[in-house]
Amino acid sequence: MDDPPSRAVLSDEQKIRVEFARSDLDKARRADLAAMSSPALILSVERLRQRLDDMLTLIEETQDPLG
């Protein structure tokens, strides 16, 4: 039986990045997208794209280079 993968220990800065991403995602989930103006919707999508990119970078930072 394989051992479960170990969890990476995040630095304080990485934890803050995760919290910002969670906060932005929560705001997007609560937003009434149908009522948003086009510029506001574009900004919301762009913010989420940036957070996704940051989270993928964070995953790369914390991956075991040997795993």
PDB file of N, CA and C in Angstrom:
ATOM      1  N   MET A   1       0.844  -1.173   0.000  1.00  0.00           N
ATOM      2  CA  MET A   1       0.000   0.000   0.000  1.00  0.00           C
ATOM      3  C   MET A   1       0.890   1.237   0.000  1.00  0.00           C
ATOM      4  N   ASP A   2       0.611   2.181  -0.893  1.00  0.00           N
ATOM      5  CA  ASP A   2       1.417   3.394  -0.990  1.00  0.00           C
ATOM      6  C   ASP A   2       1.068   4.359   0.120  1.00  0.00           C
ATOM      7  N   ASP A   3       2.096   5.055   0.591  1.00  0.00           N
ATOM      8  CA  ASP A   3       1.867   6.097   1.585  1.00  0.00           C
ATOM      9  C   ASP A   3       1.231   7.295   0.897  1.00  0.00           C
ATOM     10  N   PRO A   4       0.348   7.989   1.621  1.00  0.00           N
ATOM     11  CA  PRO A   4      -0.235   9.200   1.017  1.00  0.00           C
ATOM     12  C   PRO A   4       0.857  10.236   0.814  1.00  0.00           C
ATOM     13  N   PRO A   5       0.705  11.101  -0.210  1.00  0.00           N
ATOM     14  CA  PRO A   5       1.741  12.112  -0.429  1.00  0.00           C
ATOM     15  C   PRO A   5       1.834  13.050   0.763  1.00  0.00           C
ATOM     16  N   SER A   6       3.055  13.452   1.078  1.00  0.00           N
ATOM     17  CA  SER A   6       3.225  14.373   2.195  1.00  0.00           C
ATOM     18  C   SER A   6       2.761  15.764   1.764  1.00  0.00           C
ATOM     19  N   ARG A   7       2.262  16.507   2.727  1.00  0.00           N
ATOM     20  CA  ARG A   7       1.785  17.859   2.449  1.00  0.00           C
ATOM     21  C   ARG A   7       2.951  18.823   2.547  1.00  0.00           C
ATOM     22  N   ALA A   8       3.014  19.725   1.594  1.00  0.00           N
ATOM     23  CA  ALA A   8       4.075  20.730   1.605  1.00  0.00           C
ATOM     24  C   ALA A   8       3.804  21.732   2.723  1.00  0.00           C
ATOM     25  N   VAL A   9       4.857  22.179   3.332  1.00  0.00           N
ATOM     26  CA  VAL A   9       4.753  23.228   4.341  1.00  0.00           C
ATOM     27  C   VAL A   9       4.890  24.554   3.607  1.00  0.00           C
ATOM     28  N   LEU A  10       3.866  25.381   3.722  1.00  0.00           N
ATOM     29  CA  LEU A  10       3.869  26.662   3.025  1.00  0.00           C
ATOM     30  C   LEU A  10       4.491  27.748   3.890  1.00  0.00           C
ATOM     31  N   SER A  11       5.189  28.639   3.224  1.00  0.00           N
ATOM     32  CA  SER A  11       5.728  29.804   3.921  1.00  0.00           C
ATOM     33  C   SER A  11       4.567  30.763   4.219  1.00  0.00           C
ATOM     34  N   ASP A  12       4.815  31.739   5.064  1.00  0.00           N
ATOM     35  CA  ASP A  12       3.773  32.724   5.365  1.00  0.00           C
ATOM     36  C   ASP A  12       3.320  33.438   4.099  1.00  0.00           C
ATOM     37  N   GLU A  13       4.251  33.777   3.224  1.00  0.00           N
ATOM     38  CA  GLU A  13       3.916  34.462   1.975  1.00  0.00           C
ATOM     39  C   GLU A  13       3.043  33.568   1.085  1.00  0.00           C
ATOM     40  N   GLN A  14       3.362  32.283   1.023  1.00  0.00           N
ATOM     41  CA  GLN A  14       2.563  31.355   0.214  1.00  0.00           C
ATOM     42  C   GLN A  14       1.162  31.188   0.803  1.00  0.00           C
ATOM     43  N   LYS A  15       1.057  31.147   2.119  1.00  0.00           N
ATOM     44  CA  LYS A  15      -0.260  31.049   2.760  1.00  0.00           C
ATOM     45  C   LYS A  15      -1.116  32.270   2.433  1.00  0.00           C
ATOM     46  N   ILE A  16      -0.508  33.437   2.408  1.00  0.00           N
ATOM     47  CA  ILE A  16      -1.235  34.665   2.069  1.00  0.00           C
ATOM     48  C   ILE A  16      -1.722  34.607   0.628  1.00  0.00           C
ATOM     49  N   ARG A  17      -0.885  34.102  -0.266  1.00  0.00           N
ATOM     50  CA  ARG A  17      -1.293  33.966  -1.670  1.00  0.00           C
ATOM     51  C   ARG A  17      -2.498  33.044  -1.803  1.00  0.00           C
ATOM     52  N   VAL A  18      -2.500  31.946  -1.056  1.00  0.00           N
ATOM     53  CA  VAL A  18      -3.640  31.017  -1.086  1.00  0.00           C
ATOM     54  C   VAL A  18      -4.894  31.697  -0.549  1.00  0.00           C
ATOM     55  N   GLU A  19      -4.759  32.454   0.526  1.00  0.00           N
ATOM     56  CA  GLU A  19      -5.922  33.150   1.093  1.00  0.00           C
ATOM     57  C   GLU A  19      -6.482  34.183   0.131  1.00  0.00           C
ATOM     58  N   PHE A  20      -5.610  34.919  -0.568  1.00  0.00           N
ATOM     59  CA  PHE A  20      -6.084  35.873  -1.570  1.00  0.00           C
ATOM     60  C   PHE A  20      -6.861  35.142  -2.667  1.00  0.00           C
ATOM     61  N   ALA A  21      -6.353  34.014  -3.115  1.00  0.00           N
ATOM     62  CA  ALA A  21      -7.033  33.247  -4.155  1.00  0.00           C
ATOM     63  C   ALA A  21      -8.391  32.755  -3.665  1.00  0.00           C
ATOM     64  N   ARG A  22      -8.439  32.257  -2.440  1.00  0.00           N
ATOM     65  CA  ARG A  22      -9.719  31.789  -1.891  1.00  0.00           C
ATOM     66  C   ARG A  22     -10.715  32.940  -1.766  1.00  0.00           C
ATOM     67  N   SER A  23     -10.222  34.089  -1.344  1.00  0.00           N
ATOM     68  CA  SER A  23     -11.083  35.257  -1.192  1.00  0.00           C
ATOM     69  C   SER A  23     -11.648  35.696  -2.546  1.00  0.00           C
ATOM     70  N   ASP A  24     -10.790  35.775  -3.549  1.00  0.00           N
ATOM     71  CA  ASP A  24     -11.262  36.170  -4.882  1.00  0.00           C
ATOM     72  C   ASP A  24     -12.257  35.163  -5.450  1.00  0.00           C
ATOM     73  N   LEU A  25     -12.009  33.885  -5.232  1.00  0.00           N
ATOM     74  CA  LEU A  25     -12.936  32.858  -5.709  1.00  0.00           C
ATOM     75  C   LEU A  25     -14.270  32.976  -4.991  1.00  0.00           C
ATOM     76  N   ASP A  26     -14.239  33.208  -3.686  1.00  0.00           N
ATOM     77  CA  ASP A  26     -15.474  33.365  -2.926  1.00  0.00           C
ATOM     78  C   ASP A  26     -16.272  34.567  -3.419  1.00  0.00           C
ATOM     79  N   LYS A  27     -15.592  35.674  -3.676  1.00  0.00           N
ATOM     80  CA  LYS A  27     -16.267  36.873  -4.203  1.00  0.00           C
ATOM     81  C   LYS A  27     -16.906  36.582  -5.558  1.00  0.00           C
ATOM     82  N   ALA A  28     -16.199  35.865  -6.414  1.00  0.00           N
ATOM     83  CA  ALA A  28     -16.734  35.531  -7.739  1.00  0.00           C
ATOM     84  C   ALA A  28     -17.947  34.614  -7.629  1.00  0.00           C
ATOM     85  N   ARG A  29     -17.916  33.690  -6.687  1.00  0.00           N
ATOM     86  CA  ARG A  29     -19.055  32.779  -6.501  1.00  0.00           C
ATOM     87  C   ARG A  29     -20.292  33.518  -6.003  1.00  0.00           C
ATOM     88  N   ARG A  30     -20.087  34.546  -5.186  1.00  0.00           N
ATOM     89  CA  ARG A  30     -21.215  35.293  -4.629  1.00  0.00           C
ATOM     90  C   ARG A  30     -21.749  36.363  -5.574  1.00  0.00           C
ATOM     91  N   ALA A  31     -20.947  36.725  -6.554  1.00  0.00           N
ATOM     92  CA  ALA A  31     -21.334  37.811  -7.457  1.00  0.00           C
ATOM     93  C   ALA A  31     -22.485  37.385  -8.364  1.00  0.00           C
ATOM     94  N   ASP A  32     -23.329  38.349  -8.665  1.00  0.00           N
ATOM     95  CA  ASP A  32     -24.409  38.134  -9.629  1.00  0.00           C
ATOM     96  C   ASP A  32     -23.843  38.480 -10.999  1.00  0.00           C
ATOM     97  N   LEU A  33     -23.298  37.481 -11.671  1.00  0.00           N
ATOM     98  CA  LEU A  33     -22.603  37.720 -12.928  1.00  0.00           C
ATOM     99  C   LEU A  33     -23.505  38.331 -13.993  1.00  0.00           C
ATOM    100  N   ALA A  34     -24.763  37.957 -13.991  1.00  0.00           N
ATOM    101  CA  ALA A  34     -25.699  38.487 -14.989  1.00  0.00           C
ATOM    102  C   ALA A  34     -25.935  39.979 -14.806  1.00  0.00           C
ATOM    103  N   ALA A  35     -25.753  40.475 -13.591  1.00  0.00           N
ATOM    104  CA  ALA A  35     -26.003  41.889 -13.319  1.00  0.00           C
ATOM    105  C   ALA A  35     -24.742  42.746 -13.462  1.00  0.00           C
ATOM    106  N   MET A  36     -23.599  42.109 -13.666  1.00  0.00           N
ATOM    107  CA  MET A  36     -22.347  42.861 -13.760  1.00  0.00           C
ATOM    108  C   MET A  36     -22.216  43.523 -15.127  1.00  0.00           C
ATOM    109  N   SER A  37     -21.626  44.711 -15.130  1.00  0.00           N
ATOM    110  CA  SER A  37     -21.327  45.369 -16.399  1.00  0.00           C
ATOM    111  C   SER A  37     -20.209  44.602 -17.098  1.00  0.00           C
ATOM    112  N   SER A  38     -20.094  44.803 -18.380  1.00  0.00           N
ATOM    113  CA  SER A  38     -19.038  44.105 -19.134  1.00  0.00           C
ATOM    114  C   SER A  38     -17.646  44.393 -18.585  1.00  0.00           C
ATOM    115  N   PRO A  39     -17.289  45.654 -18.310  1.00  0.00           N
ATOM    116  CA  PRO A  39     -15.950  45.905 -17.761  1.00  0.00           C
ATOM    117  C   PRO A  39     -15.729  45.216 -16.411  1.00  0.00           C
ATOM    118  N   ALA A  40     -16.744  45.213 -15.553  1.00  0.00           N
ATOM    119  CA  ALA A  40     -16.602  44.563 -14.243  1.00  0.00           C
ATOM    120  C   ALA A  40     -16.433  43.055 -14.407  1.00  0.00           C
ATOM    121  N   LEU A  41     -17.161  42.485 -15.331  1.00  0.00           N
ATOM    122  CA  LEU A  41     -17.056  41.042 -15.584  1.00  0.00           C
ATOM    123  C   LEU A  41     -15.671  40.693 -16.127  1.00  0.00           C
ATOM    124  N   ILE A  42     -15.174  41.511 -17.029  1.00  0.00           N
ATOM    125  CA  ILE A  42     -13.835  41.287 -17.583  1.00  0.00           C
ATOM    126  C   ILE A  42     -12.788  41.371 -16.480  1.00  0.00           C
ATOM    127  N   LEU A  43     -12.898  42.355 -15.603  1.00  0.00           N
ATOM    128  CA  LEU A  43     -11.950  42.486 -14.494  1.00  0.00           C
ATOM    129  C   LEU A  43     -12.019  41.292 -13.557  1.00  0.00           C
ATOM    130  N   SER A  44     -13.221  40.799 -13.303  1.00  0.00           N
ATOM    131  CA  SER A  44     -13.376  39.633 -12.430  1.00  0.00           C
ATOM    132  C   SER A  44     -12.722  38.397 -13.047  1.00  0.00           C
ATOM    133  N   VAL A  45     -12.948  38.183 -14.331  1.00  0.00           N
ATOM    134  CA  VAL A  45     -12.338  37.040 -15.015  1.00  0.00           C
ATOM    135  C   VAL A  45     -10.824  37.175 -15.020  1.00  0.00           C
ATOM    136  N   GLU A  46     -10.334  38.379 -15.280  1.00  0.00           N
ATOM    137  CA  GLU A  46      -8.886  38.582 -15.301  1.00  0.00           C
ATOM    138  C   GLU A  46      -8.276  38.341 -13.925  1.00  0.00           C
ATOM    139  N   ARG A  47      -8.952  38.774 -12.873  1.00  0.00           N
ATOM    140  CA  ARG A  47      -8.459  38.537 -11.512  1.00  0.00           C
ATOM    141  C   ARG A  47      -8.368  37.034 -11.239  1.00  0.00           C
ATOM    142  N   LEU A  48      -9.385  36.292 -11.644  1.00  0.00           N
ATOM    143  CA  LEU A  48      -9.371  34.839 -11.423  1.00  0.00           C
ATOM    144  C   LEU A  48      -8.285  34.164 -12.256  1.00  0.00           C
ATOM    145  N   ARG A  49      -8.060  34.649 -13.459  1.00  0.00           N
ATOM    146  CA  ARG A  49      -6.985  34.095 -14.289  1.00  0.00           C
ATOM    147  C   ARG A  49      -5.634  34.306 -13.623  1.00  0.00           C
ATOM    148  N   GLN A  50      -5.432  35.492 -13.071  1.00  0.00           N
ATOM    149  CA  GLN A  50      -4.169  35.780 -12.388  1.00  0.00           C
ATOM    150  C   GLN A  50      -3.995  34.891 -11.154  1.00  0.00           C
ATOM    151  N   ARG A  51      -5.077  34.704 -10.409  1.00  0.00           N
ATOM    152  CA  ARG A  51      -4.995  33.851  -9.210  1.00  0.00           C
ATOM    153  C   ARG A  51      -4.716  32.405  -9.595  1.00  0.00           C
ATOM    154  N   LEU A  52      -5.359  31.922 -10.670  1.00  0.00           N
ATOM    155  CA  LEU A  52      -5.100  30.556 -11.122  1.00  0.00           C
ATOM    156  C   LEU A  52      -3.639  30.400 -11.509  1.00  0.00           C
ATOM    157  N   ASP A  53      -3.104  31.355 -12.250  1.00  0.00           N
ATOM    158  CA  ASP A  53      -1.703  31.309 -12.631  1.00  0.00           C
ATOM    159  C   ASP A  53      -0.803  31.289 -11.392  1.00  0.00           C
ATOM    160  N   ASP A  54      -1.141  32.113 -10.406  1.00  0.00           N
ATOM    161  CA  ASP A  54      -0.348  32.163  -9.178  1.00  0.00           C
ATOM    162  C   ASP A  54      -0.411  30.832  -8.425  1.00  0.00           C
ATOM    163  N   MET A  55      -1.588  30.207  -8.387  1.00  0.00           N
ATOM    164  CA  MET A  55      -1.706  28.930  -7.679  1.00  0.00           C
ATOM    165  C   MET A  55      -0.948  27.827  -8.406  1.00  0.00           C
ATOM    166  N   LEU A  56      -0.936  27.845  -9.729  1.00  0.00           N
ATOM    167  CA  LEU A  56      -0.146  26.857 -10.464  1.00  0.00           C
ATOM    168  C   LEU A  56       1.341  27.067 -10.210  1.00  0.00           C
ATOM    169  N   THR A  57       1.759  28.316 -10.127  1.00  0.00           N
ATOM    170  CA  THR A  57       3.151  28.616  -9.783  1.00  0.00           C
ATOM    171  C   THR A  57       3.471  28.138  -8.375  1.00  0.00           C
ATOM    172  N   LEU A  58       2.556  28.352  -7.446  1.00  0.00           N
ATOM    173  CA  LEU A  58       2.761  27.908  -6.075  1.00  0.00           C
ATOM    174  C   LEU A  58       2.900  26.379  -6.012  1.00  0.00           C
ATOM    175  N   ILE A  59       2.103  25.675  -6.774  1.00  0.00           N
ATOM    176  CA  ILE A  59       2.205  24.214  -6.815  1.00  0.00           C
ATOM    177  C   ILE A  59       3.597  23.811  -7.301  1.00  0.00           C
ATOM    178  N   GLU A  60       4.071  24.469  -8.354  1.00  0.00           N
ATOM    179  CA  GLU A  60       5.409  24.160  -8.863  1.00  0.00           C
ATOM    180  C   GLU A  60       6.475  24.454  -7.809  1.00  0.00           C
ATOM    181  N   GLU A  61       6.309  25.547  -7.063  1.00  0.00           N
ATOM    182  CA  GLU A  61       7.263  25.912  -6.018  1.00  0.00           C
ATOM    183  C   GLU A  61       7.336  24.869  -4.914  1.00  0.00           C
ATOM    184  N   THR A  62       6.223  24.235  -4.621  1.00  0.00           N
ATOM    185  CA  THR A  62       6.155  23.335  -3.473  1.00  0.00           C
ATOM    186  C   THR A  62       6.278  21.862  -3.853  1.00  0.00           C
ATOM    187  N   GLN A  63       6.337  21.551  -5.145  1.00  0.00           N
ATOM    188  CA  GLN A  63       6.472  20.161  -5.547  1.00  0.00           C
ATOM    189  C   GLN A  63       7.852  19.629  -5.205  1.00  0.00           C
ATOM    190  N   ASP A  64       7.884  18.370  -4.881  1.00  0.00           N
ATOM    191  CA  ASP A  64       9.144  17.675  -4.624  1.00  0.00           C
ATOM    192  C   ASP A  64       9.826  17.456  -5.985  1.00  0.00           C
ATOM    193  N   PRO A  65      11.009  18.031  -6.181  1.00  0.00           N
ATOM    194  CA  PRO A  65      11.665  17.878  -7.497  1.00  0.00           C
ATOM    195  C   PRO A  65      12.005  16.423  -7.829  1.00  0.00           C
ATOM    196  N   LEU A  66      12.049  15.575  -6.827  1.00  0.00           N
ATOM    197  CA  LEU A  66      12.354  14.165  -7.065  1.00  0.00           C
ATOM    198  C   LEU A  66      11.096  13.334  -7.272  1.00  0.00           C
ATOM    199  N   GLY A  67       9.925  13.922  -6.956  1.00  0.00           N
ATOM    200  CA  GLY A  67       8.679  13.172  -7.024  1.00  0.00           C
ATOM    201  C   GLY A  67       7.976  13.441  -8.267  1.00  0.00           C
TER     202      GLY A  67
END
